[in-house]
Amino acid sequence: MMRNIIVFASFLVLVSCKQEPQVTSDQVVGAWEVVGAERDGKETETLNGAYFEFSDNGTVTSNYLGEEETSLYSLEASSITQTRPDQSHVNFNVERLGLDTMVMTASIRNIPFRFVMKKIDQDPD
């Protein structure tokens, strides 16, 4: 009986562990348009027209802070760390990443943000 409880408890622990996506350069590289955003837990339209363009050379160009800016980025597990030109860092946590959808969260100036993005098809066929 005790063995069954231990096996069941171990199963619950394994099932309840949420695996974070492993972000790779192949998945991230490309242009992403922000199609939905939250600021401090509330939908916001201030990020309408925002985009992120990740290059395979480790740079990202984006306008989510208002002006277009090119900076460096690095990947680790489910995080994208942006090193801005002023050497400040923004850490984005990738919640979900599919072929054409990416959801990221970040704290920017101590305010939580959530970005829902769609990959922009740059190869008009």
N, C-alpha and C. Protein backbone atom coordinates (compact mmCIF):
# COMPACT_ATOMS: atom_id res chain seq x y z
N MET A 1 0.82 -1.19 0.00
CA MET A 1 0.00 0.00 0.00
C MET A 1 0.87 1.27 0.00
N MET A 2 1.87 1.29 0.90
CA MET A 2 2.76 2.45 0.98
C MET A 2 3.52 2.64 -0.33
N ARG A 3 3.91 1.55 -0.95
CA ARG A 3 4.62 1.62 -2.24
C ARG A 3 3.74 2.27 -3.30
N ASN A 4 2.46 1.93 -3.33
CA ASN A 4 1.52 2.52 -4.30
C ASN A 4 1.38 4.02 -4.08
N ILE A 5 1.36 4.44 -2.83
CA ILE A 5 1.26 5.87 -2.52
C ILE A 5 2.50 6.61 -3.01
N ILE A 6 3.67 6.03 -2.79
CA ILE A 6 4.92 6.66 -3.22
C ILE A 6 4.97 6.74 -4.74
N VAL A 7 4.59 5.68 -5.42
CA VAL A 7 4.57 5.68 -6.89
C VAL A 7 3.59 6.74 -7.40
N PHE A 8 2.42 6.80 -6.80
CA PHE A 8 1.41 7.79 -7.22
C PHE A 8 1.89 9.22 -6.97
N ALA A 9 2.49 9.45 -5.81
CA ALA A 9 3.01 10.78 -5.48
C ALA A 9 4.12 11.19 -6.45
N SER A 10 4.99 10.25 -6.79
CA SER A 10 6.06 10.54 -7.75
C SER A 10 5.49 10.88 -9.11
N PHE A 11 4.46 10.17 -9.51
CA PHE A 11 3.79 10.44 -10.79
C PHE A 11 3.20 11.85 -10.80
N LEU A 12 2.55 12.22 -9.72
CA LEU A 12 1.96 13.56 -9.63
C LEU A 12 3.01 14.66 -9.73
N VAL A 13 4.15 14.44 -9.09
CA VAL A 13 5.22 15.43 -9.15
C VAL A 13 5.72 15.57 -10.58
N LEU A 14 5.92 14.48 -11.27
CA LEU A 14 6.40 14.52 -12.65
C LEU A 14 5.39 15.17 -13.58
N VAL A 15 4.12 14.86 -13.42
CA VAL A 15 3.07 15.41 -14.27
C VAL A 15 2.88 16.89 -14.02
N SER A 16 3.02 17.31 -12.77
CA SER A 16 2.76 18.71 -12.44
C SER A 16 3.91 19.64 -12.78
N CYS A 17 5.08 19.10 -13.07
CA CYS A 17 6.22 19.93 -13.44
C CYS A 17 5.98 20.50 -14.84
N LYS A 18 5.97 21.80 -14.91
CA LYS A 18 5.76 22.48 -16.18
C LYS A 18 7.11 22.65 -16.87
N GLN A 19 7.24 22.09 -18.04
CA GLN A 19 8.49 22.22 -18.76
C GLN A 19 8.49 23.52 -19.56
N GLU A 20 9.56 24.28 -19.39
CA GLU A 20 9.73 25.51 -20.15
C GLU A 20 10.26 25.14 -21.54
N PRO A 21 9.84 25.88 -22.55
CA PRO A 21 10.35 25.58 -23.89
C PRO A 21 11.84 25.88 -23.98
N GLN A 22 12.55 25.06 -24.71
CA GLN A 22 13.96 25.31 -24.98
C GLN A 22 14.03 26.15 -26.25
N VAL A 23 14.51 27.36 -26.13
CA VAL A 23 14.54 28.29 -27.24
C VAL A 23 15.85 28.14 -27.99
N THR A 24 15.76 27.95 -29.30
CA THR A 24 16.95 27.86 -30.15
C THR A 24 16.95 28.99 -31.15
N SER A 25 18.11 29.28 -31.66
CA SER A 25 18.26 30.34 -32.66
C SER A 25 17.40 30.07 -33.89
N ASP A 26 17.35 28.81 -34.32
CA ASP A 26 16.55 28.47 -35.50
C ASP A 26 15.08 28.84 -35.32
N GLN A 27 14.58 28.70 -34.10
CA GLN A 27 13.17 29.01 -33.84
C GLN A 27 12.91 30.51 -33.77
N VAL A 28 13.87 31.26 -33.27
CA VAL A 28 13.66 32.68 -32.98
C VAL A 28 13.97 33.58 -34.18
N VAL A 29 14.98 33.21 -34.96
CA VAL A 29 15.42 34.08 -36.06
C VAL A 29 14.27 34.37 -37.01
N GLY A 30 14.10 35.65 -37.31
CA GLY A 30 13.06 36.10 -38.21
C GLY A 30 12.37 37.32 -37.64
N ALA A 31 11.36 37.78 -38.35
CA ALA A 31 10.61 38.97 -37.94
C ALA A 31 9.31 38.55 -37.26
N TRP A 32 9.01 39.17 -36.12
CA TRP A 32 7.83 38.86 -35.32
C TRP A 32 7.04 40.13 -35.07
N GLU A 33 5.76 40.09 -35.35
CA GLU A 33 4.87 41.23 -35.14
C GLU A 33 4.08 41.02 -33.85
N VAL A 34 4.02 42.06 -33.01
CA VAL A 34 3.22 41.98 -31.79
C VAL A 34 1.75 42.11 -32.19
N VAL A 35 0.97 41.06 -31.89
CA VAL A 35 -0.45 41.06 -32.24
C VAL A 35 -1.34 41.21 -31.00
N GLY A 36 -0.73 41.18 -29.84
CA GLY A 36 -1.45 41.39 -28.59
C GLY A 36 -0.44 41.67 -27.50
N ALA A 37 -0.81 42.52 -26.56
CA ALA A 37 0.12 42.85 -25.49
C ALA A 37 -0.63 43.23 -24.22
N GLU A 38 0.02 42.95 -23.10
CA GLU A 38 -0.51 43.35 -21.80
C GLU A 38 0.56 44.15 -21.08
N ARG A 39 0.12 45.18 -20.40
CA ARG A 39 0.98 46.00 -19.56
C ARG A 39 0.39 45.97 -18.17
N ASP A 40 1.14 45.47 -17.22
CA ASP A 40 0.68 45.36 -15.83
C ASP A 40 -0.63 44.56 -15.73
N GLY A 41 -0.73 43.49 -16.56
CA GLY A 41 -1.88 42.60 -16.50
C GLY A 41 -3.11 43.08 -17.25
N LYS A 42 -3.01 44.22 -17.93
CA LYS A 42 -4.16 44.75 -18.68
C LYS A 42 -3.78 44.89 -20.15
N GLU A 43 -4.75 44.57 -21.02
CA GLU A 43 -4.48 44.73 -22.44
C GLU A 43 -4.10 46.17 -22.74
N THR A 44 -3.15 46.32 -23.65
CA THR A 44 -2.70 47.66 -24.03
C THR A 44 -2.61 47.77 -25.54
N GLU A 45 -2.91 48.93 -26.05
CA GLU A 45 -2.78 49.19 -27.48
C GLU A 45 -1.53 50.00 -27.79
N THR A 46 -0.77 50.36 -26.75
CA THR A 46 0.43 51.17 -26.97
C THR A 46 1.51 50.41 -27.73
N LEU A 47 1.39 49.09 -27.81
CA LEU A 47 2.38 48.30 -28.54
C LEU A 47 1.89 47.89 -29.92
N ASN A 48 0.77 48.45 -30.36
CA ASN A 48 0.30 48.19 -31.73
C ASN A 48 1.39 48.63 -32.70
N GLY A 49 1.71 47.78 -33.64
CA GLY A 49 2.75 48.09 -34.62
C GLY A 49 4.15 47.75 -34.16
N ALA A 50 4.28 47.21 -32.94
CA ALA A 50 5.61 46.84 -32.46
C ALA A 50 6.07 45.55 -33.14
N TYR A 51 7.37 45.38 -33.23
CA TYR A 51 7.94 44.18 -33.85
C TYR A 51 9.30 43.88 -33.24
N PHE A 52 9.73 42.65 -33.43
CA PHE A 52 11.06 42.19 -33.07
C PHE A 52 11.60 41.48 -34.30
N GLU A 53 12.82 41.79 -34.70
CA GLU A 53 13.46 41.07 -35.81
C GLU A 53 14.79 40.52 -35.30
N PHE A 54 14.80 39.20 -35.08
CA PHE A 54 15.98 38.52 -34.58
C PHE A 54 16.82 38.03 -35.76
N SER A 55 18.10 38.38 -35.77
CA SER A 55 19.02 37.95 -36.82
C SER A 55 19.87 36.80 -36.32
N ASP A 56 20.42 36.03 -37.25
CA ASP A 56 21.25 34.90 -36.85
C ASP A 56 22.65 35.33 -36.40
N ASN A 57 22.94 36.63 -36.48
CA ASN A 57 24.24 37.14 -36.01
C ASN A 57 24.18 37.64 -34.57
N GLY A 58 23.07 37.37 -33.87
CA GLY A 58 22.97 37.76 -32.46
C GLY A 58 22.47 39.16 -32.21
N THR A 59 21.88 39.78 -33.24
CA THR A 59 21.29 41.11 -33.04
C THR A 59 19.78 41.04 -33.19
N VAL A 60 19.11 41.95 -32.51
CA VAL A 60 17.67 42.08 -32.61
C VAL A 60 17.36 43.56 -32.85
N THR A 61 16.47 43.80 -33.80
CA THR A 61 16.00 45.15 -34.07
C THR A 61 14.53 45.18 -33.67
N SER A 62 14.18 46.18 -32.88
CA SER A 62 12.81 46.27 -32.38
C SER A 62 12.42 47.72 -32.13
N ASN A 63 11.12 47.93 -32.04
CA ASN A 63 10.60 49.26 -31.75
C ASN A 63 9.65 49.25 -30.55
N TYR A 64 9.71 48.20 -29.71
CA TYR A 64 8.76 48.07 -28.61
C TYR A 64 8.91 49.17 -27.56
N LEU A 65 10.04 49.87 -27.55
CA LEU A 65 10.22 50.98 -26.61
C LEU A 65 9.90 52.33 -27.26
N GLY A 66 9.35 52.29 -28.47
CA GLY A 66 8.94 53.53 -29.14
C GLY A 66 9.79 53.87 -30.35
N GLU A 67 11.09 53.77 -30.22
CA GLU A 67 12.01 54.06 -31.31
C GLU A 67 12.65 52.76 -31.77
N GLU A 68 12.97 52.69 -33.06
CA GLU A 68 13.68 51.50 -33.55
C GLU A 68 15.07 51.46 -32.94
N GLU A 69 15.45 50.28 -32.48
CA GLU A 69 16.74 50.11 -31.81
C GLU A 69 17.30 48.74 -32.16
N THR A 70 18.58 48.68 -32.47
CA THR A 70 19.26 47.41 -32.71
C THR A 70 20.18 47.14 -31.54
N SER A 71 20.09 45.93 -31.03
CA SER A 71 20.91 45.56 -29.87
C SER A 71 21.29 44.09 -29.98
N LEU A 72 22.06 43.62 -29.03
CA LEU A 72 22.47 42.22 -28.99
C LEU A 72 21.45 41.40 -28.21
N TYR A 73 21.40 40.10 -28.51
CA TYR A 73 20.58 39.21 -27.70
C TYR A 73 21.30 37.88 -27.54
N SER A 74 20.94 37.18 -26.47
CA SER A 74 21.47 35.84 -26.25
C SER A 74 20.34 34.95 -25.77
N LEU A 75 20.50 33.65 -26.00
CA LEU A 75 19.48 32.66 -25.64
C LEU A 75 20.02 31.74 -24.57
N GLU A 76 19.15 31.40 -23.61
CA GLU A 76 19.50 30.39 -22.62
C GLU A 76 18.22 29.76 -22.13
N ALA A 77 18.09 28.45 -22.36
CA ALA A 77 16.89 27.69 -21.98
C ALA A 77 15.66 28.38 -22.57
N SER A 78 14.79 28.94 -21.74
CA SER A 78 13.57 29.58 -22.25
C SER A 78 13.65 31.10 -22.13
N SER A 79 14.86 31.64 -22.09
CA SER A 79 15.04 33.09 -21.94
C SER A 79 15.78 33.70 -23.11
N ILE A 80 15.36 34.91 -23.43
CA ILE A 80 16.06 35.75 -24.41
C ILE A 80 16.51 36.98 -23.64
N THR A 81 17.80 37.23 -23.59
CA THR A 81 18.32 38.40 -22.90
C THR A 81 18.78 39.41 -23.94
N GLN A 82 18.21 40.59 -23.87
CA GLN A 82 18.57 41.69 -24.77
C GLN A 82 19.56 42.60 -24.04
N THR A 83 20.69 42.88 -24.69
CA THR A 83 21.65 43.84 -24.16
C THR A 83 21.53 45.09 -25.02
N ARG A 84 20.93 46.11 -24.44
CA ARG A 84 20.66 47.35 -25.18
C ARG A 84 21.94 48.17 -25.37
N PRO A 85 21.93 49.14 -26.28
CA PRO A 85 23.13 49.95 -26.53
C PRO A 85 23.68 50.64 -25.28
N ASP A 86 22.81 50.96 -24.30
CA ASP A 86 23.29 51.58 -23.06
C ASP A 86 23.78 50.55 -22.05
N GLN A 87 23.89 49.28 -22.49
CA GLN A 87 24.35 48.14 -21.69
C GLN A 87 23.35 47.66 -20.65
N SER A 88 22.13 48.22 -20.65
CA SER A 88 21.09 47.67 -19.77
C SER A 88 20.57 46.37 -20.40
N HIS A 89 19.96 45.55 -19.56
CA HIS A 89 19.48 44.25 -20.02
C HIS A 89 17.98 44.14 -19.82
N VAL A 90 17.32 43.50 -20.78
CA VAL A 90 15.91 43.13 -20.64
C VAL A 90 15.86 41.62 -20.82
N ASN A 91 15.30 40.95 -19.83
CA ASN A 91 15.18 39.49 -19.88
C ASN A 91 13.76 39.11 -20.25
N PHE A 92 13.62 38.45 -21.38
CA PHE A 92 12.32 37.98 -21.85
C PHE A 92 12.21 36.49 -21.54
N ASN A 93 11.14 36.10 -20.91
CA ASN A 93 10.87 34.69 -20.67
C ASN A 93 9.90 34.21 -21.75
N VAL A 94 10.30 33.19 -22.48
CA VAL A 94 9.44 32.66 -23.55
C VAL A 94 8.48 31.65 -22.91
N GLU A 95 7.20 32.01 -22.90
CA GLU A 95 6.17 31.13 -22.34
C GLU A 95 5.75 30.06 -23.33
N ARG A 96 5.68 30.46 -24.61
CA ARG A 96 5.23 29.53 -25.64
C ARG A 96 5.92 29.90 -26.94
N LEU A 97 6.32 28.87 -27.68
CA LEU A 97 7.00 29.10 -28.96
C LEU A 97 6.59 28.01 -29.93
N GLY A 98 5.93 28.42 -31.01
CA GLY A 98 5.53 27.50 -32.06
C GLY A 98 6.18 27.94 -33.36
N LEU A 99 5.76 27.33 -34.46
CA LEU A 99 6.34 27.68 -35.76
C LEU A 99 6.10 29.14 -36.12
N ASP A 100 4.91 29.67 -35.78
CA ASP A 100 4.60 31.04 -36.16
C ASP A 100 4.05 31.89 -35.02
N THR A 101 4.14 31.40 -33.78
CA THR A 101 3.63 32.13 -32.63
C THR A 101 4.64 32.09 -31.50
N MET A 102 4.84 33.23 -30.86
CA MET A 102 5.72 33.29 -29.70
C MET A 102 5.06 34.20 -28.66
N VAL A 103 5.09 33.75 -27.40
CA VAL A 103 4.57 34.55 -26.29
C VAL A 103 5.72 34.76 -25.32
N MET A 104 6.02 36.04 -25.02
CA MET A 104 7.11 36.38 -24.12
C MET A 104 6.60 37.30 -23.02
N THR A 105 7.23 37.21 -21.85
CA THR A 105 6.97 38.13 -20.76
C THR A 105 8.28 38.80 -20.37
N ALA A 106 8.16 40.01 -19.83
CA ALA A 106 9.35 40.74 -19.38
C ALA A 106 8.91 41.80 -18.38
N SER A 107 9.85 42.20 -17.55
CA SER A 107 9.64 43.33 -16.66
C SER A 107 10.47 44.48 -17.23
N ILE A 108 9.79 45.53 -17.64
CA ILE A 108 10.46 46.68 -18.24
C ILE A 108 10.17 47.89 -17.39
N ARG A 109 11.22 48.48 -16.84
CA ARG A 109 11.09 49.60 -15.90
C ARG A 109 10.16 49.22 -14.75
N ASN A 110 10.34 47.99 -14.27
CA ASN A 110 9.58 47.42 -13.14
C ASN A 110 8.09 47.25 -13.41
N ILE A 111 7.71 47.20 -14.68
CA ILE A 111 6.32 46.96 -15.06
C ILE A 111 6.28 45.65 -15.85
N PRO A 112 5.39 44.72 -15.46
CA PRO A 112 5.31 43.46 -16.21
C PRO A 112 4.61 43.64 -17.56
N PHE A 113 5.20 43.05 -18.59
CA PHE A 113 4.65 43.08 -19.94
C PHE A 113 4.51 41.65 -20.44
N ARG A 114 3.55 41.46 -21.32
CA ARG A 114 3.36 40.18 -22.00
C ARG A 114 3.15 40.49 -23.48
N PHE A 115 3.92 39.84 -24.34
CA PHE A 115 3.86 40.05 -25.78
C PHE A 115 3.38 38.77 -26.46
N VAL A 116 2.36 38.87 -27.28
CA VAL A 116 1.91 37.76 -28.13
C VAL A 116 2.29 38.16 -29.55
N MET A 117 3.08 37.30 -30.21
CA MET A 117 3.61 37.67 -31.51
C MET A 117 3.38 36.59 -32.56
N LYS A 118 3.23 37.03 -33.78
CA LYS A 118 3.12 36.14 -34.94
C LYS A 118 4.33 36.39 -35.82
N LYS A 119 4.85 35.31 -36.36
CA LYS A 119 5.99 35.42 -37.27
C LYS A 119 5.51 36.01 -38.58
N ILE A 120 6.28 36.96 -39.10
CA ILE A 120 5.95 37.62 -40.37
C ILE A 120 6.60 36.84 -41.49
N ASP A 121 5.80 36.44 -42.46
CA ASP A 121 6.32 35.72 -43.62
C ASP A 121 7.07 36.71 -44.50
N GLN A 122 8.37 36.53 -44.59
CA GLN A 122 9.19 37.46 -45.39
C GLN A 122 9.50 36.92 -46.76
N ASP A 123 9.00 35.72 -47.07
CA ASP A 123 9.22 35.13 -48.39
C ASP A 123 7.89 35.11 -49.16
N PRO A 124 7.56 36.20 -49.85
CA PRO A 124 6.30 36.21 -50.59
C PRO A 124 6.35 35.24 -51.76
N ASP A 125 5.68 34.13 -51.63
CA ASP A 125 5.67 33.11 -52.71
C ASP A 125 4.42 33.21 -53.52
